[in-house]
């Protein structure tokens, strides 16, 4: 799984929004970027702005089993 930087995502999304290239051509231009991934980025950017393209940190919860018994 390839992880992309926030700057790269913003660059590609803005190129899509401002340019004549569609999802398929931009995905080919920035291969191995998948068209479906680009669609998700554009949707997230339109809905949440730049913050929609940031990676979410996973939360892990630790608990003490001895407290449960």
Foldseek 3Di string as FASTA:
>chain_A
DDDDDLVVLVVLLVCCVPHDDHLVVSCVVPPPRDSVVNVQSNVQCVVPNSVSSDDDDDDDDDDDVVVVD
